[in-house]
Amino acid sequence: MLKNIIINLEVIESMLYYWSSVVDREKVTESFFVDVANMDAMKLIQTNEFSSESIRKVLSSIQNRELLSGATKPEKRFWSKNMWIAEDVNLANKMAQPIKILNVDDLVNQLNEKYSDIKQERIVVHIAPLHLDPYYIKDGNLIINFFMIYFDENENVLIDGKPIKEYIFERLCELIEG
């Protein structure tokens, strides 16, 4: 039986600091980039083409206002998405606000009603700035790409055309059924 769903925003909080630092032309240490790469959400999405070194290299190149040479497709995408958001930190803060106050406690009951045999007692939903896909399901975790958050004309928070809470519920169903 599922007892709780945790929303993990540690990468977003760190990246908000990073993006603001880039805009203000403040230096961030290389160890910060390594720390970000070693956060749970970022570790879960790493592959041969997108490693902790990829994350460090991309964040360092953005800070130093350098082009990314010899990069893999995931590294290039991560670079371009981070450059885009670093150019508009106000947008990043706007995107982060609704997820900072997001309450998914009611989804626990909905999931338990829908699936009577859930093995996990706790599911962590990581929201992080990712490279390629809108979400990943790995090792019983859901990782949602922060860059996929947008607002409709009424300022409703959406991912892939759906309200964020509905989107999370659908992905959690996929995780449980997987």
Protein backbone atom coordinates (compact mmCIF):
# COMPACT_ATOMS: atom_id res chain seq x y z
CA MET A 1 0.00 0.00 0.00
CA LEU A 2 1.23 3.44 -0.94
CA LYS A 3 1.67 5.71 2.08
CA ASN A 4 3.18 8.85 0.59
CA ILE A 5 4.46 10.62 -2.49
CA ILE A 6 7.45 12.88 -2.07
CA ILE A 7 8.11 15.78 -4.45
CA ASN A 8 11.89 16.24 -4.65
CA LEU A 9 12.96 19.70 -5.84
CA GLU A 10 16.61 19.68 -4.74
CA VAL A 11 17.92 19.95 -8.31
CA ILE A 12 15.51 22.78 -9.15
CA GLU A 13 16.49 24.74 -6.05
CA SER A 14 20.17 24.34 -6.94
CA MET A 15 19.60 25.25 -10.57
CA LEU A 16 17.62 28.39 -9.69
CA TYR A 17 20.72 29.53 -7.83
CA TYR A 18 22.92 28.55 -10.78
CA TRP A 19 20.77 30.32 -13.40
CA SER A 20 20.68 33.50 -11.29
CA SER A 21 24.44 33.32 -10.89
CA VAL A 22 24.91 32.97 -14.65
CA VAL A 23 22.76 36.05 -15.26
CA ASP A 24 24.62 38.03 -12.61
CA ARG A 25 27.96 36.77 -14.00
CA GLU A 26 28.91 35.33 -10.63
CA LYS A 27 31.23 32.36 -10.58
CA VAL A 28 29.95 29.01 -9.36
CA THR A 29 32.56 26.46 -8.32
CA GLU A 30 33.18 23.29 -10.30
CA SER A 31 32.33 21.30 -7.17
CA PHE A 32 28.79 22.73 -7.39
CA PHE A 33 28.41 21.22 -10.87
CA VAL A 34 29.64 17.87 -9.57
CA ASP A 35 27.19 18.10 -6.66
CA VAL A 36 24.29 18.74 -9.05
CA ALA A 37 25.37 15.79 -11.22
CA ASN A 38 25.38 13.58 -8.12
CA MET A 39 21.88 14.50 -6.96
CA ASP A 40 19.42 11.61 -7.07
CA ALA A 41 17.32 12.88 -9.98
CA MET A 42 20.38 13.53 -12.13
CA LYS A 43 22.00 10.18 -11.27
CA LEU A 44 18.82 8.35 -12.30
CA ILE A 45 18.84 9.73 -15.86
CA GLN A 46 22.54 9.28 -16.60
CA THR A 47 23.64 7.07 -19.49
CA ASN A 48 26.77 6.50 -21.55
CA GLU A 49 25.84 9.55 -23.66
CA PHE A 50 24.86 11.72 -20.69
CA SER A 51 27.04 11.18 -17.64
CA SER A 52 27.92 13.19 -14.56
CA GLU A 53 30.84 14.55 -16.57
CA SER A 54 28.35 15.68 -19.24
CA ILE A 55 26.41 17.67 -16.65
CA ARG A 56 29.58 19.24 -15.25
CA LYS A 57 30.88 20.08 -18.72
CA VAL A 58 27.61 21.67 -19.87
CA LEU A 59 27.08 23.76 -16.75
CA SER A 60 30.69 24.90 -16.82
CA SER A 61 30.51 25.90 -20.50
CA ILE A 62 27.34 27.94 -19.90
CA GLN A 63 28.89 29.72 -16.94
CA ASN A 64 31.99 30.50 -18.99
CA ARG A 65 29.90 31.57 -21.99
CA GLU A 66 31.52 28.92 -24.17
CA LEU A 67 30.09 26.90 -27.02
CA LEU A 68 29.87 23.18 -26.43
CA SER A 69 32.13 21.32 -28.84
CA GLY A 70 32.21 17.58 -29.46
CA ALA A 71 29.01 17.06 -27.52
CA THR A 72 26.50 14.23 -27.69
CA LYS A 73 22.87 14.93 -28.62
CA PRO A 74 21.72 14.80 -24.96
CA GLU A 75 24.55 17.16 -23.95
CA LYS A 76 23.63 19.61 -26.73
CA ARG A 77 19.96 19.54 -25.72
CA PHE A 78 20.84 20.04 -22.05
CA TRP A 79 23.08 22.96 -23.03
CA SER A 80 20.44 24.66 -25.18
CA LYS A 81 17.64 24.23 -22.59
CA ASN A 82 19.83 25.62 -19.82
CA MET A 83 20.97 28.52 -22.01
CA TRP A 84 17.33 29.30 -22.80
CA ILE A 85 16.31 29.37 -19.16
CA ALA A 86 19.45 31.22 -18.03
CA GLU A 87 18.48 34.02 -20.40
CA ASP A 88 15.12 34.38 -18.63
CA VAL A 89 15.53 33.60 -14.95
CA ASN A 90 12.16 35.21 -14.23
CA LEU A 91 10.56 32.48 -16.34
CA ALA A 92 12.47 29.83 -14.38
CA ASN A 93 11.19 31.30 -11.13
CA LYS A 94 7.65 31.45 -12.52
CA MET A 95 7.89 27.79 -13.59
CA ALA A 96 9.24 26.80 -10.15
CA GLN A 97 6.56 28.56 -8.09
CA PRO A 98 3.67 26.13 -8.74
CA ILE A 99 5.82 23.06 -8.17
CA LYS A 100 7.13 24.46 -4.90
CA ILE A 101 3.58 24.54 -3.53
CA LEU A 102 2.33 21.44 -5.32
CA ASN A 103 0.47 19.11 -2.96
CA VAL A 104 -0.02 15.56 -4.22
CA ASP A 105 -1.23 13.97 -0.98
CA ASP A 106 -4.65 13.26 -2.50
CA LEU A 107 -2.99 11.20 -5.25
CA VAL A 108 -1.99 8.61 -2.63
CA ASN A 109 -5.65 7.71 -2.01
CA GLN A 110 -6.48 7.81 -5.72
CA LEU A 111 -3.63 5.44 -6.52
CA ASN A 112 -4.49 3.09 -3.65
CA GLU A 113 -8.11 2.97 -4.86
CA LYS A 114 -7.06 2.27 -8.44
CA TYR A 115 -4.33 -0.26 -7.56
CA SER A 116 -5.00 -2.45 -4.55
CA ASP A 117 -1.64 -4.22 -4.80
CA ILE A 118 0.90 -1.36 -4.84
CA LYS A 119 4.16 -2.73 -3.51
CA GLN A 120 5.87 0.59 -2.86
CA GLU A 121 5.05 2.46 0.33
CA ARG A 122 6.70 5.62 -0.93
CA ILE A 123 7.26 7.06 -4.40
CA VAL A 124 9.58 9.96 -5.08
CA VAL A 125 8.69 12.36 -7.88
CA HIS A 126 11.77 14.31 -8.89
CA ILE A 127 11.33 17.47 -10.91
CA ALA A 128 14.60 18.40 -12.56
CA PRO A 129 15.93 20.19 -15.64
CA LEU A 130 16.60 17.31 -18.00
CA HIS A 131 17.83 16.88 -21.53
CA LEU A 132 15.62 14.82 -23.85
CA ASP A 133 12.43 13.17 -22.68
CA PRO A 134 9.51 14.76 -20.81
CA TYR A 135 9.83 12.16 -18.04
CA TYR A 136 11.70 9.06 -16.95
CA ILE A 137 10.63 6.15 -14.79
CA LYS A 138 13.57 4.46 -13.18
CA ASP A 139 14.10 2.35 -10.07
CA GLY A 140 10.63 3.11 -8.73
CA ASN A 141 11.10 6.87 -9.19
CA LEU A 142 9.40 9.33 -11.50
CA ILE A 143 11.63 12.05 -12.91
CA ILE A 144 9.80 14.90 -14.66
CA ASN A 145 11.56 17.31 -16.97
CA PHE A 146 11.25 20.84 -15.54
CA PHE A 147 11.75 22.30 -19.01
CA MET A 148 8.40 20.80 -20.09
CA ILE A 149 6.41 23.01 -17.71
CA TYR A 150 4.49 25.80 -19.42
CA PHE A 151 1.49 28.04 -18.87
CA ASP A 152 -1.65 28.31 -20.97
CA GLU A 153 -3.42 31.58 -21.77
CA ASN A 154 -5.12 31.47 -18.35
CA GLU A 155 -1.81 30.90 -16.54
CA ASN A 156 -2.67 27.28 -15.71
CA VAL A 157 0.41 25.10 -15.23
CA LEU A 158 0.65 22.38 -17.86
CA ILE A 159 2.93 19.59 -19.02
CA ASP A 160 2.23 18.00 -22.37
CA GLY A 161 -1.15 19.75 -22.55
CA LYS A 162 -2.35 18.46 -19.19
CA PRO A 163 -2.62 20.09 -15.78
CA ILE A 164 0.52 19.21 -13.85
CA LYS A 165 -1.24 17.17 -11.17
CA GLU A 166 -3.12 15.11 -13.77
CA TYR A 167 0.13 14.59 -15.67
CA ILE A 168 1.87 13.35 -12.51
CA PHE A 169 -1.04 11.01 -11.72
CA GLU A 170 -0.88 9.47 -15.21
CA ARG A 171 2.88 8.96 -14.96
CA LEU A 172 2.51 7.44 -11.49
CA CYS A 173 -0.05 5.00 -12.90
CA GLU A 174 2.49 4.09 -15.57
CA LEU A 175 5.16 3.60 -12.89
CA ILE A 176 2.89 1.34 -10.83
CA GLU A 177 1.74 -0.66 -13.85
CA GLY A 178 5.30 -0.97 -15.13
